[in-house]
Structure formats: structure tokens, C-alpha cells
Amino acid sequence: MKITTYGTRGSIPIARGDSAKYGGNTTSLRIFSDCIPDGTALAVDAGSGFVPLCHGLLGEGIMDIAMIMTHYHHDHTQGFPLSPHPFMPGSNIKVWGPRENGTGPQEVFSAIMKTPFFPMDYAMVRNGITCKPLMHIGTQVLAVHPEGGFSLMGLSPIKLPQATKKATARLLKKKKISTILS
């Protein structure tokens, strides 16, 4: 697995000389793995770094994006309505994100992409976008397979090797980690 960061800044993107080395965009990552189906990109969050991530995908001819949203602060969503893929016929974006207080990815994108806040309503572009809310954080895993694609599974079918279970129990006891998966 390899990760390319397109944005790691905090709350606001910046453009100044001291940000040239590490970049000035807000959170957006691309994950590379042999497990990801050909022709699909796996992204994490849609901060302002999502814009250059998508432009890079266009250069590769990739129109399908699978995206995991960690949360919905503006610095993790502001690049979504500014990137090309939501507006392009033939693009396919699948988004998994937490549902908190009745709000999941569909509600977030609907709220940030409507007048008077944005010139085009989400309803006009949502045909190529599928939002899948994660209802029970910490109890689900997104499994990725090069032929089978993406599947959301509960933790119960996952069987960890005994050595992993013991090591995890030791770390939990020493408070080195707080959860296994979330």
C-alpha cells in the first residue's frame, strides 16, 4: 500500500512561500493498493487537496472514485464541490462516511452545494454520486478486492489470527491503542 497526500493542512488552505515544501491544501489522501479495482481511485476526505487529486485522476483517465469521509468539518469537505468529477458525465463517486445526528455524506453534500452558498445544487449532479452512511462507527469494515470491489462488512465475520488478538489485547491493556478499527 502507498499513500499520496494531496492535502494535510488544518482548517484553511494557504498559499505562501513557507508552504511550498509541504503544500497548503486541506485534507485529502489517495491510497494505492493492488487490492483496489483497476480504473478506480481510493480517496480519503475531500478537503481542498481533493481538487488536485481529481485533476491527477483525469490525467490518468480515472473516472471512478471510492471515498471514505472521516468527518465533515469544512476542511475535509470544501474540495468536493470545487473538483471536476462531481460535474462530469460518466464519473462514478461512491462515498462512505459516518452518520451523526441524522447527518451523513448525502446530507452534507446537499447542504454545501445549494444556493445561495454554491451556484449549482447537489440535486443537479447527484446521479453519479452514491453515498453510503456508516451507521455504527467501530463495528464496520470496508473490504476492498480487485475483482469484488468494495463491500461494507460488520466486524463479526472477520476472524483475526490468535497472535493478533493477543497482541491487540496487550496494547489495549497498556492503553497504547483505544480501538482496533473505527
N, C-alpha and C. Protein backbone atom coordinates (compact mmCIF):
# COMPACT_ATOMS: atom_id res chain seq x y z
N MET A 1 0.84 -1.17 0.00
CA MET A 1 0.00 0.00 0.00
C MET A 1 0.89 1.24 0.00
N LYS A 2 0.44 2.26 -0.71
CA LYS A 2 1.15 3.53 -0.78
C LYS A 2 0.11 4.64 -0.63
N ILE A 3 0.47 5.71 0.03
CA ILE A 3 -0.44 6.84 0.23
C ILE A 3 0.21 8.10 -0.31
N THR A 4 -0.54 8.84 -1.12
CA THR A 4 -0.11 10.14 -1.58
C THR A 4 -0.98 11.18 -0.91
N THR A 5 -0.35 12.16 -0.28
CA THR A 5 -1.11 13.22 0.38
C THR A 5 -1.25 14.39 -0.58
N TYR A 6 -2.48 14.82 -0.78
CA TYR A 6 -2.77 15.99 -1.62
C TYR A 6 -3.11 17.18 -0.75
N GLY A 7 -3.31 16.93 0.51
CA GLY A 7 -3.59 17.99 1.46
C GLY A 7 -3.52 17.45 2.87
N THR A 8 -2.81 18.18 3.74
CA THR A 8 -2.70 17.78 5.14
C THR A 8 -2.80 18.98 6.07
N ARG A 9 -3.13 20.13 5.55
CA ARG A 9 -3.22 21.34 6.35
C ARG A 9 -4.39 21.27 7.32
N GLY A 10 -4.41 22.20 8.22
CA GLY A 10 -5.50 22.32 9.19
C GLY A 10 -6.74 22.95 8.58
N SER A 11 -7.29 23.90 9.25
CA SER A 11 -8.62 24.42 8.92
C SER A 11 -8.73 25.17 7.60
N ILE A 12 -7.67 25.85 7.18
CA ILE A 12 -7.78 26.63 5.94
C ILE A 12 -6.59 26.34 5.02
N PRO A 13 -6.86 26.30 3.71
CA PRO A 13 -5.74 26.16 2.78
C PRO A 13 -4.94 27.46 2.75
N ILE A 14 -3.64 27.33 2.49
CA ILE A 14 -2.79 28.51 2.41
C ILE A 14 -1.95 28.43 1.14
N ALA A 15 -1.50 29.59 0.69
CA ALA A 15 -0.60 29.67 -0.46
C ALA A 15 0.44 30.74 -0.14
N ARG A 16 1.56 30.28 0.36
CA ARG A 16 2.66 31.20 0.66
C ARG A 16 3.97 30.43 0.59
N GLY A 17 5.06 31.15 0.58
CA GLY A 17 6.37 30.55 0.38
C GLY A 17 6.72 29.45 1.36
N ASP A 18 6.37 29.60 2.62
CA ASP A 18 6.75 28.59 3.60
C ASP A 18 5.89 27.32 3.51
N SER A 19 4.89 27.31 2.64
CA SER A 19 4.08 26.10 2.47
C SER A 19 4.45 25.35 1.19
N ALA A 20 5.42 25.88 0.45
CA ALA A 20 5.77 25.26 -0.83
C ALA A 20 6.30 23.83 -0.68
N LYS A 21 7.09 23.58 0.35
CA LYS A 21 7.68 22.25 0.51
C LYS A 21 6.64 21.19 0.87
N TYR A 22 5.74 21.50 1.79
CA TYR A 22 4.78 20.51 2.27
C TYR A 22 3.37 20.73 1.75
N GLY A 23 3.13 21.80 1.03
CA GLY A 23 1.82 22.05 0.46
C GLY A 23 0.91 22.83 1.37
N GLY A 24 -0.14 23.37 0.80
CA GLY A 24 -1.02 24.23 1.55
C GLY A 24 -2.48 23.80 1.52
N ASN A 25 -2.79 22.64 0.96
CA ASN A 25 -4.18 22.20 0.87
C ASN A 25 -4.63 21.49 2.13
N THR A 26 -5.96 21.48 2.33
CA THR A 26 -6.54 20.76 3.46
C THR A 26 -6.74 19.29 3.08
N THR A 27 -7.11 18.50 4.03
CA THR A 27 -7.03 17.04 3.99
C THR A 27 -7.66 16.36 2.79
N SER A 28 -6.84 15.63 2.07
CA SER A 28 -7.27 14.71 1.02
C SER A 28 -6.09 13.79 0.70
N LEU A 29 -6.36 12.49 0.74
CA LEU A 29 -5.32 11.48 0.50
C LEU A 29 -5.79 10.53 -0.59
N ARG A 30 -4.83 9.94 -1.28
CA ARG A 30 -5.13 8.86 -2.22
C ARG A 30 -4.36 7.63 -1.77
N ILE A 31 -5.06 6.51 -1.71
CA ILE A 31 -4.45 5.25 -1.30
C ILE A 31 -4.28 4.38 -2.54
N PHE A 32 -3.06 3.87 -2.70
CA PHE A 32 -2.75 2.95 -3.80
C PHE A 32 -2.57 1.56 -3.22
N SER A 33 -3.15 0.56 -3.85
CA SER A 33 -3.01 -0.82 -3.41
C SER A 33 -3.38 -1.74 -4.55
N ASP A 34 -2.76 -2.91 -4.58
CA ASP A 34 -3.13 -3.92 -5.58
C ASP A 34 -4.55 -4.42 -5.36
N CYS A 35 -5.12 -4.15 -4.18
CA CYS A 35 -6.48 -4.59 -3.87
C CYS A 35 -7.55 -3.71 -4.51
N ILE A 36 -7.20 -2.50 -4.89
CA ILE A 36 -8.18 -1.57 -5.47
C ILE A 36 -8.43 -1.96 -6.92
N PRO A 37 -9.71 -2.08 -7.32
CA PRO A 37 -10.01 -2.45 -8.71
C PRO A 37 -9.40 -1.48 -9.71
N ASP A 38 -8.95 -2.00 -10.84
CA ASP A 38 -8.39 -1.16 -11.90
C ASP A 38 -9.41 -0.11 -12.32
N GLY A 39 -8.92 1.08 -12.60
CA GLY A 39 -9.79 2.15 -13.06
C GLY A 39 -10.53 2.87 -11.94
N THR A 40 -10.22 2.53 -10.69
CA THR A 40 -10.84 3.17 -9.53
C THR A 40 -9.76 3.73 -8.63
N ALA A 41 -10.01 4.92 -8.10
CA ALA A 41 -9.11 5.52 -7.12
C ALA A 41 -9.78 5.49 -5.76
N LEU A 42 -9.00 5.25 -4.72
CA LEU A 42 -9.49 5.29 -3.35
C LEU A 42 -8.96 6.56 -2.69
N ALA A 43 -9.89 7.41 -2.25
CA ALA A 43 -9.53 8.69 -1.63
C ALA A 43 -10.05 8.71 -0.20
N VAL A 44 -9.37 9.49 0.63
CA VAL A 44 -9.82 9.75 1.99
C VAL A 44 -10.01 11.25 2.13
N ASP A 45 -11.22 11.67 2.40
CA ASP A 45 -11.61 13.06 2.62
C ASP A 45 -11.51 13.91 1.34
N ALA A 46 -12.26 15.01 1.38
CA ALA A 46 -12.37 15.88 0.20
C ALA A 46 -12.10 17.33 0.56
N GLY A 47 -10.99 17.56 1.28
CA GLY A 47 -10.57 18.93 1.55
C GLY A 47 -10.12 19.58 0.26
N SER A 48 -9.49 20.74 0.33
CA SER A 48 -9.07 21.44 -0.88
C SER A 48 -8.07 20.62 -1.69
N GLY A 49 -7.39 19.66 -1.07
CA GLY A 49 -6.48 18.77 -1.80
C GLY A 49 -7.19 17.82 -2.75
N PHE A 50 -8.51 17.68 -2.60
CA PHE A 50 -9.29 16.83 -3.49
C PHE A 50 -9.30 17.37 -4.92
N VAL A 51 -9.16 18.68 -5.07
CA VAL A 51 -9.15 19.29 -6.41
C VAL A 51 -7.93 18.81 -7.21
N PRO A 52 -6.69 18.96 -6.71
CA PRO A 52 -5.57 18.44 -7.49
C PRO A 52 -5.57 16.91 -7.59
N LEU A 53 -6.09 16.21 -6.58
CA LEU A 53 -6.21 14.76 -6.66
C LEU A 53 -7.07 14.40 -7.88
N CYS A 54 -8.22 15.05 -8.03
CA CYS A 54 -9.12 14.75 -9.16
C CYS A 54 -8.51 15.13 -10.50
N HIS A 55 -7.80 16.25 -10.54
CA HIS A 55 -7.15 16.62 -11.80
C HIS A 55 -6.11 15.58 -12.20
N GLY A 56 -5.39 15.04 -11.21
CA GLY A 56 -4.45 13.94 -11.49
C GLY A 56 -5.17 12.71 -12.01
N LEU A 57 -6.34 12.39 -11.43
CA LEU A 57 -7.12 11.23 -11.89
C LEU A 57 -7.56 11.42 -13.34
N LEU A 58 -7.96 12.63 -13.70
CA LEU A 58 -8.35 12.89 -15.09
C LEU A 58 -7.19 12.64 -16.03
N GLY A 59 -5.98 13.03 -15.60
CA GLY A 59 -4.79 12.77 -16.41
C GLY A 59 -4.53 11.28 -16.59
N GLU A 60 -4.98 10.46 -15.64
CA GLU A 60 -4.84 9.00 -15.73
C GLU A 60 -6.05 8.35 -16.40
N GLY A 61 -7.06 9.14 -16.71
CA GLY A 61 -8.28 8.59 -17.30
C GLY A 61 -9.18 7.89 -16.30
N ILE A 62 -9.02 8.18 -15.02
CA ILE A 62 -9.83 7.53 -13.98
C ILE A 62 -11.06 8.38 -13.68
N MET A 63 -12.23 7.76 -13.85
CA MET A 63 -13.50 8.44 -13.61
C MET A 63 -14.22 7.91 -12.37
N ASP A 64 -13.77 6.78 -11.82
CA ASP A 64 -14.41 6.17 -10.67
C ASP A 64 -13.61 6.45 -9.40
N ILE A 65 -14.29 6.99 -8.40
CA ILE A 65 -13.65 7.31 -7.13
C ILE A 65 -14.43 6.65 -6.01
N ALA A 66 -13.72 5.94 -5.15
CA ALA A 66 -14.28 5.45 -3.90
C ALA A 66 -13.67 6.34 -2.81
N MET A 67 -14.52 6.94 -1.98
CA MET A 67 -14.01 7.89 -1.00
C MET A 67 -14.54 7.57 0.39
N ILE A 68 -13.65 7.65 1.35
CA ILE A 68 -14.01 7.49 2.75
C ILE A 68 -13.91 8.87 3.40
N MET A 69 -15.00 9.30 3.99
CA MET A 69 -15.01 10.56 4.72
C MET A 69 -14.80 10.25 6.20
N THR A 70 -13.84 10.92 6.83
CA THR A 70 -13.60 10.69 8.25
C THR A 70 -14.57 11.50 9.11
N HIS A 71 -14.85 12.73 8.68
CA HIS A 71 -15.81 13.60 9.35
C HIS A 71 -16.10 14.76 8.41
N TYR A 72 -16.96 15.68 8.83
CA TYR A 72 -17.48 16.67 7.89
C TYR A 72 -17.12 18.12 8.21
N HIS A 73 -16.04 18.35 8.91
CA HIS A 73 -15.60 19.73 9.07
C HIS A 73 -15.30 20.29 7.69
N HIS A 74 -15.40 21.61 7.55
CA HIS A 74 -15.22 22.23 6.24
C HIS A 74 -13.87 21.90 5.59
N ASP A 75 -12.83 21.77 6.41
CA ASP A 75 -11.52 21.48 5.83
C ASP A 75 -11.42 20.05 5.29
N HIS A 76 -12.47 19.24 5.46
CA HIS A 76 -12.50 17.89 4.90
C HIS A 76 -13.54 17.75 3.80
N THR A 77 -14.29 18.83 3.53
CA THR A 77 -15.36 18.77 2.52
C THR A 77 -15.25 19.84 1.44
N GLN A 78 -14.51 20.91 1.68
CA GLN A 78 -14.56 22.07 0.79
C GLN A 78 -14.07 21.81 -0.63
N GLY A 79 -13.29 20.78 -0.85
CA GLY A 79 -12.82 20.48 -2.20
C GLY A 79 -13.82 19.73 -3.06
N PHE A 80 -14.78 19.07 -2.43
CA PHE A 80 -15.73 18.26 -3.20
C PHE A 80 -16.49 19.08 -4.24
N PRO A 81 -17.13 20.19 -3.87
CA PRO A 81 -17.87 20.93 -4.90
C PRO A 81 -16.98 21.70 -5.87
N LEU A 82 -15.70 21.78 -5.60
CA LEU A 82 -14.78 22.52 -6.47
C LEU A 82 -13.99 21.62 -7.41
N SER A 83 -14.16 20.31 -7.27
CA SER A 83 -13.42 19.35 -8.09
C SER A 83 -14.24 18.98 -9.33
N PRO A 84 -13.59 18.49 -10.37
CA PRO A 84 -14.30 18.23 -11.63
C PRO A 84 -15.22 17.01 -11.62
N HIS A 85 -14.87 15.96 -10.91
CA HIS A 85 -15.61 14.70 -11.03
C HIS A 85 -17.11 14.78 -10.73
N PRO A 86 -17.55 15.52 -9.70
CA PRO A 86 -18.99 15.56 -9.46
C PRO A 86 -19.80 16.12 -10.63
N PHE A 87 -19.18 16.87 -11.50
CA PHE A 87 -19.88 17.54 -12.59
C PHE A 87 -19.72 16.85 -13.93
N MET A 88 -18.93 15.79 -14.00
CA MET A 88 -18.61 15.17 -15.28
C MET A 88 -19.51 13.97 -15.56
N PRO A 89 -20.18 13.99 -16.71
CA PRO A 89 -20.95 12.79 -17.10
C PRO A 89 -20.01 11.59 -17.20
N GLY A 90 -20.46 10.47 -16.72
CA GLY A 90 -19.63 9.26 -16.77
C GLY A 90 -18.79 9.03 -15.54
N SER A 91 -18.73 10.02 -14.64
CA SER A 91 -17.97 9.79 -13.41
C SER A 91 -18.85 9.03 -12.43
N ASN A 92 -18.19 8.29 -11.56
CA ASN A 92 -18.89 7.48 -10.57
C ASN A 92 -18.16 7.68 -9.24
N ILE A 93 -18.84 8.27 -8.28
CA ILE A 93 -18.23 8.53 -6.98
C ILE A 93 -19.06 7.81 -5.92
N LYS A 94 -18.40 6.92 -5.18
CA LYS A 94 -19.04 6.25 -4.04
C LYS A 94 -18.40 6.79 -2.78
N VAL A 95 -19.24 7.26 -1.87
CA VAL A 95 -18.76 7.90 -0.65
C VAL A 95 -19.29 7.15 0.57
N TRP A 96 -18.37 6.75 1.45
CA TRP A 96 -18.73 6.17 2.74
C TRP A 96 -18.33 7.19 3.81
N GLY A 97 -19.25 7.46 4.73
CA GLY A 97 -18.95 8.40 5.79
C GLY A 97 -19.90 8.21 6.95
N PRO A 98 -19.50 8.69 8.13
CA PRO A 98 -20.32 8.48 9.32
C PRO A 98 -21.65 9.23 9.24
N ARG A 99 -22.68 8.63 9.83
CA ARG A 99 -23.96 9.32 10.02
C ARG A 99 -24.01 9.70 11.49
N GLU A 100 -24.00 11.01 11.72
CA GLU A 100 -24.02 11.54 13.08
C GLU A 100 -25.17 12.52 13.22
N ASN A 101 -25.99 12.33 14.24
CA ASN A 101 -27.15 13.20 14.46
C ASN A 101 -28.02 13.32 13.22
N GLY A 102 -28.20 12.21 12.52
CA GLY A 102 -29.04 12.19 11.34
C GLY A 102 -28.40 12.75 10.09
N THR A 103 -27.12 13.06 10.15
CA THR A 103 -26.42 13.67 9.01
C THR A 103 -25.31 12.75 8.53
N GLY A 104 -25.39 12.36 7.27
CA GLY A 104 -24.37 11.54 6.63
C GLY A 104 -23.83 12.26 5.40
N PRO A 105 -23.09 11.56 4.56
CA PRO A 105 -22.46 12.22 3.42
C PRO A 105 -23.46 12.88 2.46
N GLN A 106 -24.58 12.25 2.20
CA GLN A 106 -25.57 12.83 1.28
C GLN A 106 -26.09 14.16 1.81
N GLU A 107 -26.41 14.20 3.09
CA GLU A 107 -26.93 15.43 3.68
C GLU A 107 -25.88 16.54 3.70
N VAL A 108 -24.63 16.17 3.94
CA VAL A 108 -23.55 17.16 3.96
C VAL A 108 -23.37 17.77 2.58
N PHE A 109 -23.26 16.93 1.55
CA PHE A 109 -23.06 17.46 0.20
C PHE A 109 -24.27 18.26 -0.27
N SER A 110 -25.46 17.82 0.11
CA SER A 110 -26.67 18.58 -0.24
C SER A 110 -26.65 19.96 0.41
N ALA A 111 -26.15 20.03 1.64
CA ALA A 111 -26.12 21.31 2.36
C ALA A 111 -25.07 22.27 1.80
N ILE A 112 -23.89 21.75 1.43
CA ILE A 112 -22.83 22.66 0.97
C ILE A 112 -22.96 23.02 -0.50
N MET A 113 -23.75 22.25 -1.24
CA MET A 113 -23.92 22.52 -2.66
C MET A 113 -25.36 22.95 -2.93
N LYS A 114 -25.71 24.15 -2.48
CA LYS A 114 -27.02 24.70 -2.78
C LYS A 114 -26.93 26.22 -2.72
N THR A 115 -27.81 26.85 -3.45
CA THR A 115 -27.84 28.30 -3.42
C THR A 115 -28.39 28.75 -2.07
N PRO A 116 -27.94 29.81 -1.52
CA PRO A 116 -27.04 30.81 -2.06
C PRO A 116 -25.57 30.54 -1.78
N PHE A 117 -25.23 29.36 -1.22
CA PHE A 117 -23.85 29.07 -0.85
C PHE A 117 -23.01 28.57 -2.01
N PHE A 118 -23.65 27.98 -3.00
CA PHE A 118 -22.93 27.41 -4.14
C PHE A 118 -23.81 27.59 -5.38
N PRO A 119 -23.21 27.83 -6.54
CA PRO A 119 -24.03 28.16 -7.72
C PRO A 119 -24.80 26.98 -8.33
N MET A 120 -24.51 25.75 -7.94
CA MET A 120 -25.21 24.60 -8.51
C MET A 120 -25.66 23.69 -7.39
N ASP A 121 -26.93 23.31 -7.41
CA ASP A 121 -27.45 22.43 -6.37
C ASP A 121 -26.93 21.01 -6.55
N TYR A 122 -26.70 20.36 -5.42
CA TYR A 122 -26.27 18.96 -5.40
C TYR A 122 -27.24 18.07 -6.19
N ALA A 123 -28.52 18.38 -6.14
CA ALA A 123 -29.52 17.59 -6.85
C ALA A 123 -29.24 17.52 -8.35
N MET A 124 -28.53 18.51 -8.89
CA MET A 124 -28.24 18.54 -10.32
C MET A 124 -27.08 17.61 -10.69
N VAL A 125 -26.27 17.20 -9.73
CA VAL A 125 -25.09 16.38 -10.04
C VAL A 125 -25.10 15.02 -9.35
N ARG A 126 -26.06 14.76 -8.49
CA ARG A 126 -26.01 13.58 -7.63
C ARG A 126 -26.18 12.25 -8.36
N ASN A 127 -26.56 12.25 -9.64
CA ASN A 127 -26.76 10.99 -10.35
C ASN A 127 -25.52 10.12 -10.40
N GLY A 128 -24.34 10.70 -10.45
CA GLY A 128 -23.10 9.92 -10.48
C GLY A 128 -22.49 9.71 -9.12
N ILE A 129 -23.22 10.07 -8.06
CA ILE A 129 -22.68 10.01 -6.70
C ILE A 129 -23.57 9.09 -5.85
N THR A 130 -22.94 8.12 -5.20
CA THR A 130 -23.64 7.22 -4.29
C THR A 130 -23.07 7.42 -2.90
N CYS A 131 -23.92 7.77 -1.96
CA CYS A 131 -23.48 7.98 -0.58
C CYS A 131 -23.96 6.83 0.29
N LYS A 132 -23.04 6.28 1.06
CA LYS A 132 -23.33 5.16 1.94
C LYS A 132 -22.98 5.56 3.37
N PRO A 133 -23.98 5.86 4.19
CA PRO A 133 -23.67 6.26 5.57
C PRO A 133 -23.18 5.08 6.40
N LEU A 134 -22.20 5.36 7.23
CA LEU A 134 -21.70 4.37 8.20
C LEU A 134 -22.47 4.60 9.48
N MET A 135 -23.31 3.66 9.82
CA MET A 135 -24.23 3.84 10.93
C MET A 135 -23.62 3.54 12.29
N HIS A 136 -22.69 2.62 12.35
CA HIS A 136 -22.16 2.18 13.63
C HIS A 136 -20.63 2.19 13.57
N ILE A 137 -20.05 3.35 13.79
CA ILE A 137 -18.61 3.50 13.71
C ILE A 137 -17.95 2.55 14.71
N GLY A 138 -16.91 1.88 14.24
CA GLY A 138 -16.19 0.94 15.08
C GLY A 138 -16.70 -0.48 14.96
N THR A 139 -17.78 -0.68 14.20
CA THR A 139 -18.34 -2.02 14.05
C THR A 139 -18.39 -2.47 12.60
N GLN A 140 -17.85 -1.64 11.70
CA GLN A 140 -17.89 -1.96 10.27
C GLN A 140 -16.51 -1.81 9.66
N VAL A 141 -16.27 -2.60 8.61
CA VAL A 141 -15.01 -2.56 7.88
C VAL A 141 -15.34 -2.45 6.40
N LEU A 142 -14.62 -1.60 5.69
CA LEU A 142 -14.76 -1.52 4.24
C LEU A 142 -13.72 -2.46 3.64
N ALA A 143 -14.19 -3.57 3.07
CA ALA A 143 -13.30 -4.54 2.45
C ALA A 143 -13.13 -4.17 0.98
N VAL A 144 -11.89 -4.31 0.48
CA VAL A 144 -11.58 -3.94 -0.89
C VAL A 144 -10.93 -5.13 -1.58
N HIS A 145 -11.44 -5.46 -2.76
CA HIS A 145 -10.91 -6.59 -3.54
C HIS A 145 -10.81 -6.17 -5.00
N PRO A 146 -9.70 -6.53 -5.69
CA PRO A 146 -9.52 -6.07 -7.07
C PRO A 146 -10.62 -6.54 -8.02
N GLU A 147 -11.25 -7.66 -7.74
CA GLU A 147 -12.33 -8.14 -8.61
C GLU A 147 -13.70 -7.92 -7.98
N GLY A 148 -13.79 -8.06 -6.66
CA GLY A 148 -15.06 -7.94 -5.97
C GLY A 148 -15.46 -6.52 -5.64
N GLY A 149 -14.53 -5.57 -5.76
CA GLY A 149 -14.83 -4.18 -5.45
C GLY A 149 -14.85 -3.88 -3.98
N PHE A 150 -15.78 -3.04 -3.56
CA PHE A 150 -15.86 -2.54 -2.19
C PHE A 150 -17.10 -3.11 -1.52
N SER A 151 -16.93 -3.62 -0.30
CA SER A 151 -18.05 -4.16 0.47
C SER A 151 -17.93 -3.71 1.92
N LEU A 152 -19.03 -3.22 2.45
CA LEU A 152 -19.08 -2.84 3.84
C LEU A 152 -19.53 -4.05 4.64
N MET A 153 -18.72 -4.44 5.62
CA MET A 153 -18.99 -5.64 6.41
C MET A 153 -18.98 -5.31 7.89
N GLY A 154 -19.78 -6.04 8.66
CA GLY A 154 -19.69 -5.96 10.11
C GLY A 154 -18.44 -6.66 10.58
N LEU A 155 -17.98 -6.35 11.77
CA LEU A 155 -16.76 -6.97 12.29
C LEU A 155 -16.92 -8.45 12.59
N SER A 156 -18.12 -8.90 12.88
CA SER A 156 -18.30 -10.28 13.31
C SER A 156 -17.78 -11.33 12.32
N PRO A 157 -17.90 -11.14 10.98
CA PRO A 157 -17.36 -12.19 10.11
C PRO A 157 -15.83 -12.19 10.02
N ILE A 158 -15.19 -11.17 10.55
CA ILE A 158 -13.74 -11.08 10.44
C ILE A 158 -13.11 -11.89 11.56
N LYS A 159 -12.27 -12.83 11.19
CA LYS A 159 -11.59 -13.67 12.17
C LYS A 159 -10.11 -13.28 12.19
N LEU A 160 -9.68 -12.72 13.31
CA LEU A 160 -8.28 -12.34 13.44
C LEU A 160 -7.47 -13.54 13.91
N PRO A 161 -6.24 -13.68 13.42
CA PRO A 161 -5.39 -14.75 13.92
C PRO A 161 -5.20 -14.60 15.43
N GLN A 162 -5.02 -15.71 16.13
CA GLN A 162 -4.90 -15.70 17.59
C GLN A 162 -3.76 -14.79 18.06
N ALA A 163 -2.62 -14.79 17.35
CA ALA A 163 -1.49 -13.94 17.74
C ALA A 163 -1.88 -12.47 17.67
N THR A 164 -2.67 -12.09 16.66
CA THR A 164 -3.11 -10.70 16.52
C THR A 164 -4.04 -10.34 17.66
N LYS A 165 -4.95 -11.25 18.02
CA LYS A 165 -5.87 -11.00 19.13
C LYS A 165 -5.10 -10.78 20.43
N LYS A 166 -4.09 -11.60 20.68
CA LYS A 166 -3.30 -11.47 21.91
C LYS A 166 -2.53 -10.16 21.93
N ALA A 167 -1.90 -9.81 20.80
CA ALA A 167 -1.13 -8.56 20.72
C ALA A 167 -2.05 -7.36 20.91
N THR A 168 -3.22 -7.41 20.30
CA THR A 168 -4.19 -6.31 20.44
C THR A 168 -4.65 -6.19 21.88
N ALA A 169 -4.92 -7.30 22.53
CA ALA A 169 -5.34 -7.29 23.94
C ALA A 169 -4.26 -6.66 24.82
N ARG A 170 -2.98 -6.98 24.55
CA ARG A 170 -1.88 -6.40 25.33
C ARG A 170 -1.83 -4.88 25.13
N LEU A 171 -1.97 -4.42 23.89
CA LEU A 171 -1.93 -2.98 23.62
C LEU A 171 -3.10 -2.27 24.27
N LEU A 172 -4.28 -2.87 24.20
CA LEU A 172 -5.45 -2.28 24.84
C LEU A 172 -5.25 -2.17 26.35
N LYS A 173 -4.69 -3.22 26.94
CA LYS A 173 -4.45 -3.23 28.39
C LYS A 173 -3.45 -2.14 28.78
N LYS A 174 -2.42 -1.94 27.96
CA LYS A 174 -1.41 -0.92 28.24
C LYS A 174 -1.86 0.46 27.79
N LYS A 175 -3.08 0.55 27.23
CA LYS A 175 -3.65 1.80 26.72
C LYS A 175 -2.79 2.41 25.62
N LYS A 176 -2.14 1.55 24.84
CA LYS A 176 -1.37 2.03 23.69
C LYS A 176 -2.29 2.34 22.51
N ILE A 177 -3.42 1.65 22.45
CA ILE A 177 -4.42 1.93 21.43
C ILE A 177 -5.79 1.93 22.12
N SER A 178 -6.73 2.67 21.53
CA SER A 178 -8.04 2.76 22.17
C SER A 178 -9.07 1.88 21.46
N THR A 179 -8.90 1.69 20.17
CA THR A 179 -9.82 0.81 19.44
C THR A 179 -9.03 0.07 18.37
N ILE A 180 -9.61 -1.02 17.90
CA ILE A 180 -8.96 -1.76 16.83
C ILE A 180 -9.27 -1.13 15.49
N LEU A 181 -10.54 -0.95 15.22
CA LEU A 181 -10.98 -0.35 13.96
C LEU A 181 -12.06 0.67 14.24
N SER A 182 -12.09 1.70 13.45
CA SER A 182 -13.19 2.65 13.58
C SER A 182 -13.53 3.22 12.24
